[in-house]
Amino acid sequence: MSILSTTRRLAASLALVAGIAFLLPSAMAQPTAEVEARAAKIIADQYKVIINCEGCNLAGANFDGQFLRLAALEGANMSGATFRDADLTGIHLTRANLAGADFSGANMAGAVLTNADLRGANLSDARLDAVRVHGANFTGANLQRANLRMLEYVKRLTFAGADARDAIFRHAFLGGVDFNGTDLRGADFTRATGLTNAQLARACGDERTILPPGLSIPRCGGS
């Protein structure tokens, strides 16, 4: 396949993701009074008990800098919510709606994100090492400089159209992961396993992208 055709295919993939982004909730959406009251209670209780709010509506809530370690929020609607620099170590977010949420700088090490919807979410500079991401959808997400070391349980995981520049995938198992249209410039795959050239052919990188021996990746346009 020519470089031109590869570039065109990547551009088409990114255009598709851009179209999807218009369907995502705004990260600046204002929470309802009910959501604000529920979030205030969670914040008040955060150091007293392990938070349990499964299936709760927390859309647009502000949890910036909060302590939600091991919180049980399975199936919760947290679309457009903000968790900047929050401690979310070991948080349970199975089937949660996290579309358009802002997790920039958050510590999510050991989190459970099974079947979570993270389309268009901002995870730049977030710690995501050893998270469980079976069936998670990161389509169009911002993963710049995110730490994704030692990813586990990656069946049906997609990073389609994600911006993963300078992301760290060291020691991660990536067999079957969807990298369609993913920007992997500067990404570090040192000792990653399960990754194939067929997966990488649908993404793009640059001279700074570190790959396991025997693998290669198309250059991003303009890089």
N, C-alpha and C. Protein backbone atom coordinates (compact mmCIF):
# COMPACT_ATOMS: atom_id res chain seq x y z
N MET A 1 0.85 -1.19 0.00
CA MET A 1 0.00 0.00 0.00
C MET A 1 0.89 1.24 0.00
N SER A 2 0.57 2.23 -0.87
CA SER A 2 1.41 3.43 -0.97
C SER A 2 1.24 4.33 0.24
N ILE A 3 2.25 5.20 0.45
CA ILE A 3 2.19 6.17 1.55
C ILE A 3 0.98 7.08 1.37
N LEU A 4 0.70 7.46 0.10
CA LEU A 4 -0.43 8.34 -0.18
C LEU A 4 -1.75 7.71 0.23
N SER A 5 -1.94 6.42 -0.14
CA SER A 5 -3.19 5.76 0.20
C SER A 5 -3.31 5.59 1.71
N THR A 6 -2.18 5.31 2.38
CA THR A 6 -2.20 5.17 3.84
C THR A 6 -2.60 6.49 4.48
N THR A 7 -2.03 7.60 3.99
CA THR A 7 -2.35 8.92 4.53
C THR A 7 -3.81 9.25 4.33
N ARG A 8 -4.35 8.93 3.14
CA ARG A 8 -5.76 9.19 2.86
C ARG A 8 -6.67 8.39 3.79
N ARG A 9 -6.29 7.12 4.03
CA ARG A 9 -7.11 6.27 4.90
C ARG A 9 -7.10 6.80 6.33
N LEU A 10 -5.94 7.24 6.81
CA LEU A 10 -5.85 7.80 8.15
C LEU A 10 -6.65 9.08 8.26
N ALA A 11 -6.60 9.90 7.21
CA ALA A 11 -7.36 11.15 7.22
C ALA A 11 -8.85 10.87 7.27
N ALA A 12 -9.30 9.85 6.54
CA ALA A 12 -10.72 9.49 6.55
C ALA A 12 -11.15 9.02 7.93
N SER A 13 -10.28 8.24 8.58
CA SER A 13 -10.59 7.75 9.93
C SER A 13 -10.72 8.90 10.91
N LEU A 14 -9.80 9.87 10.82
CA LEU A 14 -9.84 11.01 11.73
C LEU A 14 -11.06 11.89 11.46
N ALA A 15 -11.45 12.01 10.19
CA ALA A 15 -12.63 12.78 9.86
C ALA A 15 -13.88 12.14 10.45
N LEU A 16 -13.93 10.80 10.41
CA LEU A 16 -15.06 10.09 11.00
C LEU A 16 -15.14 10.35 12.50
N VAL A 17 -13.98 10.29 13.17
CA VAL A 17 -13.95 10.54 14.60
C VAL A 17 -14.36 11.96 14.91
N ALA A 18 -13.93 12.91 14.07
CA ALA A 18 -14.32 14.30 14.28
C ALA A 18 -15.83 14.46 14.20
N GLY A 19 -16.45 13.69 13.29
CA GLY A 19 -17.90 13.75 13.19
C GLY A 19 -18.57 13.20 14.42
N ILE A 20 -17.99 12.13 14.99
CA ILE A 20 -18.53 11.54 16.21
C ILE A 20 -18.47 12.55 17.35
N ALA A 21 -17.39 13.34 17.39
CA ALA A 21 -17.19 14.28 18.50
C ALA A 21 -18.34 15.25 18.66
N PHE A 22 -18.99 15.62 17.55
CA PHE A 22 -20.10 16.55 17.63
C PHE A 22 -21.29 15.95 18.36
N LEU A 23 -21.32 14.61 18.47
CA LEU A 23 -22.44 13.94 19.13
C LEU A 23 -22.21 13.79 20.62
N LEU A 24 -20.98 14.09 21.10
CA LEU A 24 -20.66 13.88 22.50
C LEU A 24 -21.14 15.05 23.35
N PRO A 25 -21.44 14.79 24.65
CA PRO A 25 -21.88 15.86 25.53
C PRO A 25 -20.78 16.86 25.76
N SER A 26 -21.13 18.11 25.98
CA SER A 26 -20.13 19.14 26.23
C SER A 26 -19.53 18.96 27.61
N ALA A 27 -18.17 19.07 27.66
CA ALA A 27 -17.49 18.96 28.95
C ALA A 27 -17.83 20.14 29.84
N MET A 28 -18.43 21.21 29.27
CA MET A 28 -18.77 22.39 30.04
C MET A 28 -20.24 22.43 30.44
N ALA A 29 -20.95 21.31 30.19
CA ALA A 29 -22.38 21.27 30.52
C ALA A 29 -22.57 21.52 32.02
N GLN A 30 -23.56 22.31 32.36
CA GLN A 30 -23.82 22.63 33.76
C GLN A 30 -24.62 21.52 34.42
N PRO A 31 -24.19 21.08 35.60
CA PRO A 31 -24.94 20.03 36.30
C PRO A 31 -26.27 20.56 36.83
N THR A 32 -27.24 19.69 36.96
CA THR A 32 -28.53 20.09 37.53
C THR A 32 -28.38 20.29 39.03
N ALA A 33 -29.38 20.89 39.65
CA ALA A 33 -29.36 21.10 41.10
C ALA A 33 -29.28 19.77 41.83
N GLU A 34 -29.98 18.76 41.29
CA GLU A 34 -29.95 17.43 41.90
C GLU A 34 -28.55 16.84 41.85
N VAL A 35 -27.88 16.99 40.70
CA VAL A 35 -26.53 16.49 40.55
C VAL A 35 -25.58 17.23 41.49
N GLU A 36 -25.72 18.54 41.58
CA GLU A 36 -24.86 19.32 42.48
C GLU A 36 -25.01 18.87 43.93
N ALA A 37 -26.24 18.60 44.35
CA ALA A 37 -26.48 18.16 45.73
C ALA A 37 -25.86 16.78 45.96
N ARG A 38 -26.00 15.88 44.98
CA ARG A 38 -25.45 14.54 45.12
C ARG A 38 -23.92 14.60 45.14
N ALA A 39 -23.33 15.43 44.29
CA ALA A 39 -21.88 15.57 44.26
C ALA A 39 -21.37 16.17 45.56
N ALA A 40 -22.08 17.13 46.11
CA ALA A 40 -21.67 17.76 47.37
C ALA A 40 -21.65 16.74 48.50
N LYS A 41 -22.63 15.82 48.51
CA LYS A 41 -22.67 14.78 49.55
C LYS A 41 -21.49 13.82 49.39
N ILE A 42 -21.19 13.46 48.15
CA ILE A 42 -20.07 12.57 47.90
C ILE A 42 -18.77 13.22 48.37
N ILE A 43 -18.60 14.50 48.07
CA ILE A 43 -17.40 15.21 48.49
C ILE A 43 -17.32 15.30 50.01
N ALA A 44 -18.45 15.52 50.65
CA ALA A 44 -18.47 15.61 52.12
C ALA A 44 -18.13 14.27 52.76
N ASP A 45 -18.50 13.17 52.09
CA ASP A 45 -18.30 11.83 52.66
C ASP A 45 -17.00 11.17 52.22
N GLN A 46 -16.25 11.81 51.34
CA GLN A 46 -15.14 11.13 50.66
C GLN A 46 -14.07 10.56 51.60
N TYR A 47 -13.82 11.18 52.72
CA TYR A 47 -12.80 10.67 53.64
C TYR A 47 -13.40 9.84 54.77
N LYS A 48 -14.72 9.73 54.80
CA LYS A 48 -15.38 9.00 55.88
C LYS A 48 -15.69 7.56 55.50
N VAL A 49 -16.14 7.37 54.26
CA VAL A 49 -16.54 6.04 53.80
C VAL A 49 -16.07 5.86 52.36
N ILE A 50 -16.09 4.60 51.90
CA ILE A 50 -15.85 4.34 50.48
C ILE A 50 -17.14 4.69 49.74
N ILE A 51 -17.05 5.60 48.81
CA ILE A 51 -18.24 6.10 48.11
C ILE A 51 -18.89 5.00 47.27
N ASN A 52 -20.20 4.89 47.39
CA ASN A 52 -20.97 3.95 46.58
C ASN A 52 -22.16 4.72 45.99
N CYS A 53 -22.10 4.90 44.66
CA CYS A 53 -23.19 5.62 43.99
C CYS A 53 -23.40 4.98 42.61
N GLU A 54 -23.66 3.68 42.63
CA GLU A 54 -23.85 2.94 41.39
C GLU A 54 -25.11 3.42 40.66
N GLY A 55 -24.96 3.66 39.36
CA GLY A 55 -26.09 4.08 38.54
C GLY A 55 -26.52 5.51 38.77
N CYS A 56 -25.76 6.29 39.52
CA CYS A 56 -26.15 7.67 39.82
C CYS A 56 -26.01 8.58 38.60
N ASN A 57 -26.80 9.64 38.59
CA ASN A 57 -26.64 10.68 37.58
C ASN A 57 -25.73 11.76 38.16
N LEU A 58 -24.52 11.85 37.62
CA LEU A 58 -23.54 12.84 38.06
C LEU A 58 -23.02 13.63 36.86
N ALA A 59 -23.85 13.73 35.83
CA ALA A 59 -23.45 14.41 34.60
C ALA A 59 -23.06 15.85 34.88
N GLY A 60 -21.86 16.23 34.43
CA GLY A 60 -21.40 17.61 34.58
C GLY A 60 -20.89 17.97 35.96
N ALA A 61 -20.84 17.02 36.90
CA ALA A 61 -20.40 17.31 38.26
C ALA A 61 -18.91 17.65 38.30
N ASN A 62 -18.52 18.43 39.31
CA ASN A 62 -17.13 18.83 39.46
C ASN A 62 -16.50 18.09 40.64
N PHE A 63 -15.56 17.19 40.32
CA PHE A 63 -14.81 16.46 41.34
C PHE A 63 -13.32 16.76 41.24
N ASP A 64 -12.97 17.93 40.75
CA ASP A 64 -11.57 18.29 40.60
C ASP A 64 -10.85 18.19 41.94
N GLY A 65 -9.72 17.49 41.94
CA GLY A 65 -8.88 17.39 43.12
C GLY A 65 -9.44 16.58 44.27
N GLN A 66 -10.54 15.88 44.06
CA GLN A 66 -11.18 15.13 45.15
C GLN A 66 -10.57 13.74 45.33
N PHE A 67 -10.95 13.10 46.44
CA PHE A 67 -10.44 11.78 46.82
C PHE A 67 -11.57 10.77 46.67
N LEU A 68 -11.52 10.01 45.57
CA LEU A 68 -12.57 9.02 45.31
C LEU A 68 -11.95 7.63 45.15
N ARG A 69 -10.92 7.38 45.90
CA ARG A 69 -10.22 6.10 45.83
C ARG A 69 -11.18 4.94 46.15
N LEU A 70 -11.19 3.92 45.27
CA LEU A 70 -12.01 2.71 45.42
C LEU A 70 -13.51 2.96 45.34
N ALA A 71 -13.92 4.15 44.95
CA ALA A 71 -15.35 4.46 44.85
C ALA A 71 -16.05 3.49 43.89
N ALA A 72 -17.28 3.12 44.22
CA ALA A 72 -18.09 2.22 43.39
C ALA A 72 -19.10 3.07 42.61
N LEU A 73 -18.81 3.29 41.33
CA LEU A 73 -19.66 4.14 40.49
C LEU A 73 -20.06 3.41 39.21
N GLU A 74 -20.25 2.11 39.32
CA GLU A 74 -20.63 1.31 38.16
C GLU A 74 -21.94 1.82 37.56
N GLY A 75 -21.94 1.96 36.25
CA GLY A 75 -23.15 2.35 35.54
C GLY A 75 -23.58 3.78 35.76
N ALA A 76 -22.75 4.60 36.40
CA ALA A 76 -23.12 5.99 36.65
C ALA A 76 -23.01 6.82 35.38
N ASN A 77 -23.81 7.88 35.30
CA ASN A 77 -23.71 8.82 34.20
C ASN A 77 -22.87 10.00 34.66
N MET A 78 -21.64 10.06 34.19
CA MET A 78 -20.73 11.15 34.55
C MET A 78 -20.23 11.85 33.30
N SER A 79 -21.07 11.86 32.27
CA SER A 79 -20.69 12.53 31.03
C SER A 79 -20.45 14.01 31.31
N GLY A 80 -19.36 14.53 30.77
CA GLY A 80 -19.04 15.94 30.94
C GLY A 80 -18.57 16.33 32.33
N ALA A 81 -18.42 15.38 33.24
CA ALA A 81 -17.95 15.68 34.60
C ALA A 81 -16.45 15.97 34.57
N THR A 82 -15.94 16.61 35.63
CA THR A 82 -14.52 16.92 35.69
C THR A 82 -13.89 16.27 36.92
N PHE A 83 -12.72 15.65 36.70
CA PHE A 83 -11.98 14.96 37.75
C PHE A 83 -10.51 15.37 37.67
N ARG A 84 -10.23 16.60 37.32
CA ARG A 84 -8.85 17.04 37.15
C ARG A 84 -8.05 16.88 38.44
N ASP A 85 -6.90 16.19 38.31
CA ASP A 85 -5.96 15.98 39.44
C ASP A 85 -6.60 15.24 40.61
N ALA A 86 -7.67 14.51 40.39
CA ALA A 86 -8.34 13.77 41.46
C ALA A 86 -7.61 12.45 41.73
N ASP A 87 -7.77 11.94 42.96
CA ASP A 87 -7.24 10.62 43.31
C ASP A 87 -8.35 9.60 43.09
N LEU A 88 -8.25 8.85 41.99
CA LEU A 88 -9.26 7.87 41.61
C LEU A 88 -8.66 6.46 41.61
N THR A 89 -7.65 6.25 42.44
CA THR A 89 -6.98 4.95 42.49
C THR A 89 -7.97 3.82 42.77
N GLY A 90 -7.99 2.81 41.89
CA GLY A 90 -8.85 1.65 42.11
C GLY A 90 -10.33 1.91 41.98
N ILE A 91 -10.73 3.04 41.40
CA ILE A 91 -12.15 3.37 41.26
C ILE A 91 -12.83 2.36 40.33
N HIS A 92 -14.09 2.05 40.62
CA HIS A 92 -14.86 1.09 39.81
C HIS A 92 -15.84 1.87 38.92
N LEU A 93 -15.57 1.84 37.61
CA LEU A 93 -16.37 2.59 36.65
C LEU A 93 -16.91 1.69 35.54
N THR A 94 -17.18 0.45 35.87
CA THR A 94 -17.72 -0.48 34.89
C THR A 94 -19.03 0.05 34.31
N ARG A 95 -19.13 0.06 32.98
CA ARG A 95 -20.33 0.49 32.23
C ARG A 95 -20.68 1.96 32.50
N ALA A 96 -19.79 2.73 33.07
CA ALA A 96 -20.09 4.15 33.34
C ALA A 96 -20.04 4.97 32.05
N ASN A 97 -20.89 5.99 31.99
CA ASN A 97 -20.87 6.93 30.87
C ASN A 97 -19.94 8.08 31.24
N LEU A 98 -18.75 8.07 30.65
CA LEU A 98 -17.73 9.07 30.94
C LEU A 98 -17.41 9.90 29.70
N ALA A 99 -18.31 9.90 28.74
CA ALA A 99 -18.09 10.61 27.49
C ALA A 99 -17.89 12.10 27.76
N GLY A 100 -16.83 12.65 27.20
CA GLY A 100 -16.57 14.08 27.34
C GLY A 100 -16.08 14.49 28.72
N ALA A 101 -15.83 13.54 29.63
CA ALA A 101 -15.37 13.88 30.98
C ALA A 101 -13.89 14.30 30.94
N ASP A 102 -13.48 15.05 31.96
CA ASP A 102 -12.11 15.54 32.02
C ASP A 102 -11.37 14.89 33.20
N PHE A 103 -10.44 13.99 32.87
CA PHE A 103 -9.64 13.30 33.88
C PHE A 103 -8.18 13.76 33.81
N SER A 104 -7.92 14.91 33.25
CA SER A 104 -6.54 15.34 33.06
C SER A 104 -5.80 15.40 34.40
N GLY A 105 -4.63 14.77 34.43
CA GLY A 105 -3.81 14.77 35.63
C GLY A 105 -4.29 13.88 36.75
N ALA A 106 -5.37 13.15 36.55
CA ALA A 106 -5.93 12.30 37.62
C ALA A 106 -5.10 11.02 37.79
N ASN A 107 -5.11 10.50 39.00
CA ASN A 107 -4.47 9.21 39.29
C ASN A 107 -5.55 8.14 39.26
N MET A 108 -5.57 7.34 38.18
CA MET A 108 -6.56 6.28 38.01
C MET A 108 -5.90 4.90 38.02
N ALA A 109 -4.73 4.80 38.62
CA ALA A 109 -4.02 3.53 38.65
C ALA A 109 -4.91 2.44 39.25
N GLY A 110 -4.97 1.29 38.57
CA GLY A 110 -5.76 0.17 39.07
C GLY A 110 -7.25 0.32 38.92
N ALA A 111 -7.71 1.32 38.18
CA ALA A 111 -9.14 1.53 37.99
C ALA A 111 -9.76 0.41 37.16
N VAL A 112 -11.06 0.19 37.35
CA VAL A 112 -11.80 -0.78 36.55
C VAL A 112 -12.69 0.00 35.60
N LEU A 113 -12.36 -0.06 34.30
CA LEU A 113 -13.08 0.69 33.28
C LEU A 113 -13.76 -0.25 32.29
N THR A 114 -14.09 -1.44 32.73
CA THR A 114 -14.70 -2.43 31.86
C THR A 114 -15.99 -1.90 31.22
N ASN A 115 -16.04 -1.93 29.88
CA ASN A 115 -17.22 -1.48 29.11
C ASN A 115 -17.60 -0.02 29.39
N ALA A 116 -16.66 0.79 29.85
CA ALA A 116 -16.95 2.21 30.08
C ALA A 116 -16.91 2.99 28.77
N ASP A 117 -17.71 4.04 28.70
CA ASP A 117 -17.77 4.91 27.53
C ASP A 117 -16.93 6.15 27.80
N LEU A 118 -15.76 6.24 27.17
CA LEU A 118 -14.85 7.36 27.37
C LEU A 118 -14.65 8.14 26.07
N ARG A 119 -15.64 8.11 25.20
CA ARG A 119 -15.51 8.82 23.93
C ARG A 119 -15.31 10.32 24.18
N GLY A 120 -14.27 10.86 23.55
CA GLY A 120 -14.02 12.29 23.66
C GLY A 120 -13.55 12.75 25.03
N ALA A 121 -13.23 11.83 25.93
CA ALA A 121 -12.78 12.21 27.27
C ALA A 121 -11.36 12.76 27.21
N ASN A 122 -11.03 13.60 28.19
CA ASN A 122 -9.67 14.15 28.30
C ASN A 122 -8.94 13.40 29.40
N LEU A 123 -7.96 12.58 29.02
CA LEU A 123 -7.16 11.82 29.97
C LEU A 123 -5.69 12.22 29.86
N SER A 124 -5.43 13.42 29.40
CA SER A 124 -4.05 13.87 29.26
C SER A 124 -3.35 13.89 30.61
N ASP A 125 -2.13 13.39 30.64
CA ASP A 125 -1.30 13.35 31.85
C ASP A 125 -1.90 12.51 32.97
N ALA A 126 -2.88 11.68 32.66
CA ALA A 126 -3.51 10.83 33.69
C ALA A 126 -2.71 9.55 33.89
N ARG A 127 -2.76 9.01 35.10
CA ARG A 127 -2.16 7.71 35.39
C ARG A 127 -3.22 6.64 35.18
N LEU A 128 -2.96 5.75 34.24
CA LEU A 128 -3.89 4.67 33.92
C LEU A 128 -3.18 3.33 33.95
N ASP A 129 -2.12 3.25 34.72
CA ASP A 129 -1.36 2.00 34.74
C ASP A 129 -2.14 0.90 35.44
N ALA A 130 -2.05 -0.29 34.83
CA ALA A 130 -2.69 -1.50 35.36
C ALA A 130 -4.21 -1.38 35.47
N VAL A 131 -4.84 -0.57 34.61
CA VAL A 131 -6.30 -0.49 34.62
C VAL A 131 -6.89 -1.67 33.84
N ARG A 132 -8.13 -2.01 34.16
CA ARG A 132 -8.85 -3.05 33.42
C ARG A 132 -9.77 -2.36 32.43
N VAL A 133 -9.54 -2.61 31.15
CA VAL A 133 -10.23 -1.84 30.11
C VAL A 133 -10.97 -2.73 29.11
N HIS A 134 -11.37 -3.92 29.52
CA HIS A 134 -12.13 -4.81 28.64
C HIS A 134 -13.37 -4.09 28.10
N GLY A 135 -13.46 -3.94 26.78
CA GLY A 135 -14.63 -3.34 26.17
C GLY A 135 -14.74 -1.84 26.32
N ALA A 136 -13.71 -1.17 26.83
CA ALA A 136 -13.77 0.29 27.01
C ALA A 136 -13.65 1.00 25.67
N ASN A 137 -14.33 2.13 25.53
CA ASN A 137 -14.36 2.88 24.28
C ASN A 137 -13.71 4.25 24.48
N PHE A 138 -12.48 4.39 23.95
CA PHE A 138 -11.73 5.64 24.05
C PHE A 138 -11.75 6.39 22.72
N THR A 139 -12.76 6.19 21.89
CA THR A 139 -12.80 6.83 20.59
C THR A 139 -12.68 8.35 20.72
N GLY A 140 -11.71 8.92 20.01
CA GLY A 140 -11.54 10.37 20.01
C GLY A 140 -11.06 10.97 21.31
N ALA A 141 -10.60 10.14 22.25
CA ALA A 141 -10.15 10.65 23.56
C ALA A 141 -8.78 11.32 23.45
N ASN A 142 -8.50 12.21 24.40
CA ASN A 142 -7.19 12.84 24.51
C ASN A 142 -6.37 12.05 25.52
N LEU A 143 -5.37 11.33 25.02
CA LEU A 143 -4.51 10.50 25.87
C LEU A 143 -3.07 11.00 25.85
N GLN A 144 -2.88 12.27 25.55
CA GLN A 144 -1.53 12.81 25.48
C GLN A 144 -0.80 12.64 26.82
N ARG A 145 0.37 12.03 26.73
CA ARG A 145 1.25 11.83 27.90
C ARG A 145 0.63 10.95 28.99
N ALA A 146 -0.46 10.28 28.68
CA ALA A 146 -1.09 9.39 29.67
C ALA A 146 -0.20 8.19 29.93
N ASN A 147 -0.22 7.72 31.16
CA ASN A 147 0.57 6.55 31.54
C ASN A 147 -0.34 5.32 31.49
N LEU A 148 -0.14 4.49 30.46
CA LEU A 148 -0.97 3.30 30.24
C LEU A 148 -0.14 2.03 30.39
N ARG A 149 0.80 2.08 31.29
CA ARG A 149 1.66 0.92 31.52
C ARG A 149 0.85 -0.28 32.03
N MET A 150 1.26 -1.45 31.62
CA MET A 150 0.73 -2.72 32.14
C MET A 150 -0.79 -2.82 32.02
N LEU A 151 -1.34 -2.37 30.89
CA LEU A 151 -2.77 -2.52 30.67
C LEU A 151 -3.17 -3.98 30.79
N GLU A 152 -4.37 -4.21 31.33
CA GLU A 152 -4.86 -5.57 31.51
C GLU A 152 -6.24 -5.73 30.87
N TYR A 153 -6.57 -6.96 30.52
CA TYR A 153 -7.94 -7.29 30.07
C TYR A 153 -8.39 -6.31 28.98
N VAL A 154 -7.81 -6.44 27.80
CA VAL A 154 -8.01 -5.46 26.74
C VAL A 154 -8.93 -5.94 25.62
N LYS A 155 -9.62 -7.04 25.80
CA LYS A 155 -10.52 -7.52 24.75
C LYS A 155 -11.55 -6.46 24.40
N ARG A 156 -11.72 -6.21 23.08
CA ARG A 156 -12.67 -5.22 22.54
C ARG A 156 -12.36 -3.78 22.97
N LEU A 157 -11.12 -3.51 23.31
CA LEU A 157 -10.70 -2.15 23.67
C LEU A 157 -10.45 -1.35 22.39
N THR A 158 -10.94 -0.12 22.33
CA THR A 158 -10.68 0.72 21.16
C THR A 158 -10.11 2.08 21.55
N PHE A 159 -9.05 2.46 20.82
CA PHE A 159 -8.47 3.79 20.91
C PHE A 159 -8.66 4.51 19.57
N ALA A 160 -9.69 4.15 18.82
CA ALA A 160 -9.88 4.69 17.47
C ALA A 160 -9.92 6.22 17.50
N GLY A 161 -9.07 6.83 16.67
CA GLY A 161 -9.07 8.28 16.55
C GLY A 161 -8.57 9.02 17.77
N ALA A 162 -8.03 8.32 18.74
CA ALA A 162 -7.54 8.98 19.96
C ALA A 162 -6.23 9.71 19.69
N ASP A 163 -5.98 10.76 20.45
CA ASP A 163 -4.72 11.49 20.39
C ASP A 163 -3.84 10.95 21.52
N ALA A 164 -2.96 10.02 21.18
CA ALA A 164 -2.11 9.37 22.18
C ALA A 164 -0.65 9.77 22.02
N ARG A 165 -0.42 11.01 21.64
CA ARG A 165 0.95 11.50 21.51
C ARG A 165 1.68 11.44 22.85
N ASP A 166 2.86 10.85 22.82
CA ASP A 166 3.72 10.74 24.01
C ASP A 166 3.11 9.89 25.12
N ALA A 167 2.11 9.09 24.79
CA ALA A 167 1.53 8.18 25.78
C ALA A 167 2.50 7.03 26.05
N ILE A 168 2.40 6.46 27.24
CA ILE A 168 3.29 5.37 27.65
C ILE A 168 2.51 4.06 27.70
N PHE A 169 2.93 3.09 26.87
CA PHE A 169 2.30 1.77 26.82
C PHE A 169 3.30 0.68 27.23
N ARG A 170 4.26 1.01 28.05
CA ARG A 170 5.30 0.05 28.42
C ARG A 170 4.70 -1.17 29.14
N HIS A 171 5.16 -2.35 28.75
CA HIS A 171 4.76 -3.61 29.38
C HIS A 171 3.26 -3.89 29.26
N ALA A 172 2.56 -3.19 28.37
CA ALA A 172 1.12 -3.41 28.20
C ALA A 172 0.86 -4.58 27.25
N PHE A 173 -0.20 -5.33 27.49
CA PHE A 173 -0.63 -6.34 26.53
C PHE A 173 -1.68 -5.70 25.64
N LEU A 174 -1.44 -5.68 24.32
CA LEU A 174 -2.27 -4.92 23.40
C LEU A 174 -2.84 -5.78 22.27
N GLY A 175 -2.94 -7.07 22.48
CA GLY A 175 -3.46 -7.96 21.45
C GLY A 175 -4.89 -7.61 21.06
N GLY A 176 -5.12 -7.33 19.78
CA GLY A 176 -6.46 -7.06 19.28
C GLY A 176 -6.99 -5.67 19.55
N VAL A 177 -6.21 -4.81 20.17
CA VAL A 177 -6.68 -3.45 20.48
C VAL A 177 -6.83 -2.65 19.18
N ASP A 178 -7.90 -1.86 19.08
CA ASP A 178 -8.20 -1.08 17.88
C ASP A 178 -7.47 0.27 17.95
N PHE A 179 -6.48 0.44 17.04
CA PHE A 179 -5.74 1.70 16.95
C PHE A 179 -6.08 2.43 15.65
N ASN A 180 -7.27 2.23 15.12
CA ASN A 180 -7.66 2.83 13.85
C ASN A 180 -7.65 4.36 13.94
N GLY A 181 -6.75 5.00 13.18
CA GLY A 181 -6.70 6.46 13.18
C GLY A 181 -6.09 7.07 14.42
N THR A 182 -5.41 6.28 15.26
CA THR A 182 -4.82 6.79 16.50
C THR A 182 -3.50 7.51 16.21
N ASP A 183 -3.32 8.67 16.81
CA ASP A 183 -2.07 9.43 16.68
C ASP A 183 -1.11 8.95 17.77
N LEU A 184 -0.06 8.25 17.36
CA LEU A 184 0.88 7.65 18.30
C LEU A 184 2.27 8.28 18.20
N ARG A 185 2.32 9.53 17.79
CA ARG A 185 3.61 10.21 17.72
C ARG A 185 4.24 10.30 19.12
N GLY A 186 5.44 9.81 19.24
CA GLY A 186 6.16 9.88 20.51
C GLY A 186 5.72 8.85 21.53
N ALA A 187 4.78 7.98 21.19
CA ALA A 187 4.31 6.96 22.14
C ALA A 187 5.40 5.93 22.41
N ASP A 188 5.40 5.40 23.62
CA ASP A 188 6.43 4.46 24.05
C ASP A 188 5.82 3.07 24.29
N PHE A 189 6.17 2.12 23.41
CA PHE A 189 5.67 0.75 23.52
C PHE A 189 6.77 -0.22 23.98
N THR A 190 7.72 0.27 24.74
CA THR A 190 8.81 -0.58 25.20
C THR A 190 8.26 -1.82 25.92
N ARG A 191 8.65 -2.99 25.44
CA ARG A 191 8.27 -4.29 26.01
C ARG A 191 6.76 -4.52 26.02
N ALA A 192 6.03 -3.82 25.17
CA ALA A 192 4.61 -4.12 25.00
C ALA A 192 4.49 -5.45 24.25
N THR A 193 3.44 -6.20 24.53
CA THR A 193 3.26 -7.50 23.89
C THR A 193 1.90 -7.56 23.19
N GLY A 194 1.78 -8.48 22.22
CA GLY A 194 0.52 -8.68 21.52
C GLY A 194 0.28 -7.72 20.38
N LEU A 195 1.12 -6.70 20.23
CA LEU A 195 0.94 -5.69 19.20
C LEU A 195 1.44 -6.22 17.86
N THR A 196 0.73 -5.90 16.77
CA THR A 196 1.12 -6.38 15.45
C THR A 196 1.23 -5.23 14.46
N ASN A 197 1.92 -5.49 13.36
CA ASN A 197 2.03 -4.49 12.31
C ASN A 197 0.67 -4.19 11.68
N ALA A 198 -0.22 -5.18 11.67
CA ALA A 198 -1.56 -4.96 11.11
C ALA A 198 -2.31 -3.90 11.92
N GLN A 199 -2.17 -3.93 13.25
CA GLN A 199 -2.80 -2.92 14.09
C GLN A 199 -2.18 -1.55 13.85
N LEU A 200 -0.86 -1.51 13.80
CA LEU A 200 -0.16 -0.24 13.66
C LEU A 200 -0.36 0.39 12.28
N ALA A 201 -0.64 -0.44 11.28
CA ALA A 201 -0.83 0.08 9.92
C ALA A 201 -2.03 1.00 9.83
N ARG A 202 -2.94 0.90 10.78
CA ARG A 202 -4.14 1.73 10.78
C ARG A 202 -3.97 2.99 11.64
N ALA A 203 -2.80 3.12 12.27
CA ALA A 203 -2.49 4.28 13.10
C ALA A 203 -1.38 5.09 12.43
N CYS A 204 -0.81 6.04 13.16
CA CYS A 204 0.35 6.75 12.63
C CYS A 204 1.24 7.20 13.78
N GLY A 205 2.53 7.37 13.48
CA GLY A 205 3.48 7.79 14.50
C GLY A 205 4.56 8.66 13.88
N ASP A 206 5.72 8.72 14.52
CA ASP A 206 6.84 9.47 13.98
C ASP A 206 8.14 8.82 14.43
N GLU A 207 9.25 9.53 14.21
CA GLU A 207 10.55 8.97 14.55
C GLU A 207 10.74 8.80 16.06
N ARG A 208 9.91 9.42 16.86
CA ARG A 208 10.03 9.29 18.31
C ARG A 208 9.21 8.12 18.87
N THR A 209 8.36 7.53 18.05
CA THR A 209 7.55 6.40 18.49
C THR A 209 8.44 5.19 18.74
N ILE A 210 8.40 4.68 19.96
CA ILE A 210 9.25 3.54 20.33
C ILE A 210 8.42 2.26 20.23
N LEU A 211 8.83 1.36 19.33
CA LEU A 211 8.09 0.12 19.08
C LEU A 211 8.93 -1.10 19.45
N PRO A 212 8.27 -2.22 19.76
CA PRO A 212 8.99 -3.47 19.98
C PRO A 212 9.72 -3.88 18.69
N PRO A 213 10.76 -4.67 18.80
CA PRO A 213 11.52 -5.12 17.62
C PRO A 213 10.61 -5.76 16.56
N GLY A 214 10.88 -5.43 15.29
CA GLY A 214 10.17 -6.04 14.18
C GLY A 214 8.89 -5.34 13.79
N LEU A 215 8.49 -4.28 14.52
CA LEU A 215 7.26 -3.57 14.20
C LEU A 215 7.56 -2.22 13.58
N SER A 216 6.61 -1.73 12.79
CA SER A 216 6.76 -0.41 12.16
C SER A 216 5.41 0.28 12.12
N ILE A 217 5.43 1.60 11.89
CA ILE A 217 4.19 2.37 11.88
C ILE A 217 4.28 3.45 10.82
N PRO A 218 3.18 3.74 10.08
CA PRO A 218 3.20 4.82 9.10
C PRO A 218 3.42 6.17 9.78
N ARG A 219 4.05 7.09 9.07
CA ARG A 219 4.25 8.43 9.59
C ARG A 219 2.95 9.23 9.51
N CYS A 220 2.71 10.02 10.53
CA CYS A 220 1.56 10.93 10.50
C CYS A 220 1.84 12.03 9.48
N GLY A 221 0.81 12.50 8.82
CA GLY A 221 0.97 13.57 7.84
C GLY A 221 1.60 14.80 8.48
N GLY A 222 2.66 15.30 7.87
CA GLY A 222 3.27 16.51 8.37
C GLY A 222 4.30 16.27 9.45
N SER A 223 4.47 15.00 9.91
CA SER A 223 5.45 14.75 10.97
C SER A 223 6.84 14.49 10.39
